[in-house]
């Protein structure tokens, strides 16, 4: 039997693990300005889908309106895709052409 300072225990089995966990890639979710979607609807989207306060949603909506684009949040790939699809679905239900996309952060 080996001494207590050795990580090998009888039979030559090592109990050390050398796994490294890679952090997932992150993606920015973006809203794009158009001339038809109402500001109130954009604020509603930001509050319902992105769980923002009224003040934060209004701030992002104004960014979209003034700059043409606004960042809604940064998420892992699957969550970013789901958020984009949710925005498009909600906009389609209300017949707005609101566009949402994601890009690698």
Protein backbone atom coordinates (compact mmCIF):
# COMPACT_ATOMS: atom_id res chain seq x y z
CA UNK A 1 0.00 0.00 0.00
CA UNK A 2 1.29 3.47 -0.75
CA UNK A 3 1.77 6.34 1.68
CA UNK A 4 -1.00 8.81 2.54
CA UNK A 5 0.53 11.61 0.44
CA UNK A 6 0.06 9.64 -2.80
CA UNK A 7 -3.25 9.94 -4.71
CA UNK A 8 -3.00 6.35 -5.98
CA UNK A 9 -4.78 3.76 -3.89
CA UNK A 10 -4.22 0.03 -4.46
CA UNK A 11 -4.76 -1.29 -7.97
CA UNK A 12 -3.16 1.73 -9.67
CA UNK A 13 -6.40 3.75 -9.86
CA UNK A 14 -5.90 7.49 -9.68
CA UNK A 15 -8.62 9.48 -7.94
CA UNK A 16 -7.41 12.79 -9.37
CA UNK A 17 -9.69 14.38 -11.93
CA UNK A 18 -8.31 16.71 -14.56
CA UNK A 19 -11.51 17.98 -16.08
CA UNK A 20 -11.80 21.59 -17.06
CA UNK A 21 -15.14 23.20 -17.67
CA UNK A 22 -15.22 25.75 -20.48
CA UNK A 23 -17.52 28.70 -19.96
CA UNK A 24 -20.22 28.84 -22.65
CA UNK A 25 -20.04 31.44 -25.40
CA UNK A 26 -22.27 34.42 -24.71
CA UNK A 27 -24.55 36.26 -27.16
CA UNK A 28 -25.97 39.79 -27.17
CA UNK A 29 -29.67 40.02 -27.98
CA UNK A 30 -30.45 43.12 -30.04
CA UNK A 31 -33.66 44.97 -30.92
CA UNK A 32 -33.75 46.86 -34.22
CA UNK A 33 -35.66 50.07 -34.85
CA UNK A 34 -38.45 50.29 -37.39
CA UNK A 35 -40.97 53.01 -38.17
CA UNK A 36 -44.09 51.00 -37.32
CA UNK A 37 -43.68 49.26 -33.96
CA UNK A 38 -44.94 51.44 -31.14
CA UNK A 39 -42.68 52.51 -28.30
CA UNK A 40 -45.19 51.13 -25.79
CA UNK A 41 -45.04 47.71 -27.42
CA UNK A 42 -41.23 47.70 -27.30
CA UNK A 43 -41.33 48.57 -23.59
CA UNK A 44 -43.88 45.78 -23.09
CA UNK A 45 -41.60 43.28 -24.89
CA UNK A 46 -38.62 44.31 -22.76
CA UNK A 47 -40.59 43.93 -19.56
CA UNK A 48 -42.25 40.59 -20.43
CA UNK A 49 -39.51 38.75 -22.29
CA UNK A 50 -36.39 40.31 -20.76
CA UNK A 51 -37.87 40.90 -17.26
CA UNK A 52 -36.82 44.56 -17.09
CA UNK A 53 -38.25 47.26 -14.89
CA UNK A 54 -40.31 49.97 -16.57
CA UNK A 55 -37.43 52.45 -16.21
CA UNK A 56 -34.82 50.09 -17.71
CA UNK A 57 -37.18 49.03 -20.52
CA UNK A 58 -37.86 52.68 -21.38
CA UNK A 59 -34.11 53.39 -21.43
CA UNK A 60 -33.45 50.50 -23.87
CA UNK A 61 -36.47 51.47 -26.00
CA UNK A 62 -35.04 55.00 -26.35
CA UNK A 63 -31.67 53.54 -27.38
CA UNK A 64 -33.43 51.51 -30.07
CA UNK A 65 -35.37 54.57 -31.20
CA UNK A 66 -32.44 57.02 -31.25
CA UNK A 67 -29.52 54.75 -32.23
CA UNK A 68 -31.39 52.24 -34.40
CA UNK A 69 -30.43 49.31 -32.20
CA UNK A 70 -30.42 48.41 -28.51
CA UNK A 71 -28.93 45.62 -26.42
CA UNK A 72 -31.55 43.73 -24.43
CA UNK A 73 -29.16 41.43 -22.61
CA UNK A 74 -26.34 38.89 -22.88
CA UNK A 75 -27.19 35.19 -22.69
CA UNK A 76 -25.96 31.74 -23.56
CA UNK A 77 -26.79 30.60 -27.10
CA UNK A 78 -29.96 28.63 -26.33
CA UNK A 79 -31.43 31.39 -24.20
CA UNK A 80 -30.55 34.07 -26.77
CA UNK A 81 -32.26 32.10 -29.55
CA UNK A 82 -35.34 31.57 -27.38
CA UNK A 83 -35.54 35.29 -26.54
CA UNK A 84 -35.28 36.26 -30.23
CA UNK A 85 -37.99 33.78 -31.19
CA UNK A 86 -40.23 35.02 -28.37
CA UNK A 87 -39.88 38.63 -29.55
CA UNK A 88 -40.72 37.67 -33.14
CA UNK A 89 -43.74 35.63 -32.02
CA UNK A 90 -45.11 38.43 -29.84
CA UNK A 91 -44.54 41.01 -32.59
CA UNK A 92 -46.23 38.82 -35.19
CA UNK A 93 -49.27 38.35 -32.94
CA UNK A 94 -49.65 42.15 -32.76
CA UNK A 95 -48.77 42.56 -36.47
CA UNK A 96 -45.63 44.59 -35.83
CA UNK A 97 -42.49 44.15 -37.96
CA UNK A 98 -40.17 44.35 -34.93
CA UNK A 99 -36.85 42.61 -35.59
CA UNK A 100 -34.64 41.05 -32.98
CA UNK A 101 -31.30 39.31 -33.47
CA UNK A 102 -28.32 37.96 -31.57
CA UNK A 103 -24.58 38.22 -32.06
CA UNK A 104 -21.60 36.72 -30.30
CA UNK A 105 -20.59 38.90 -27.35
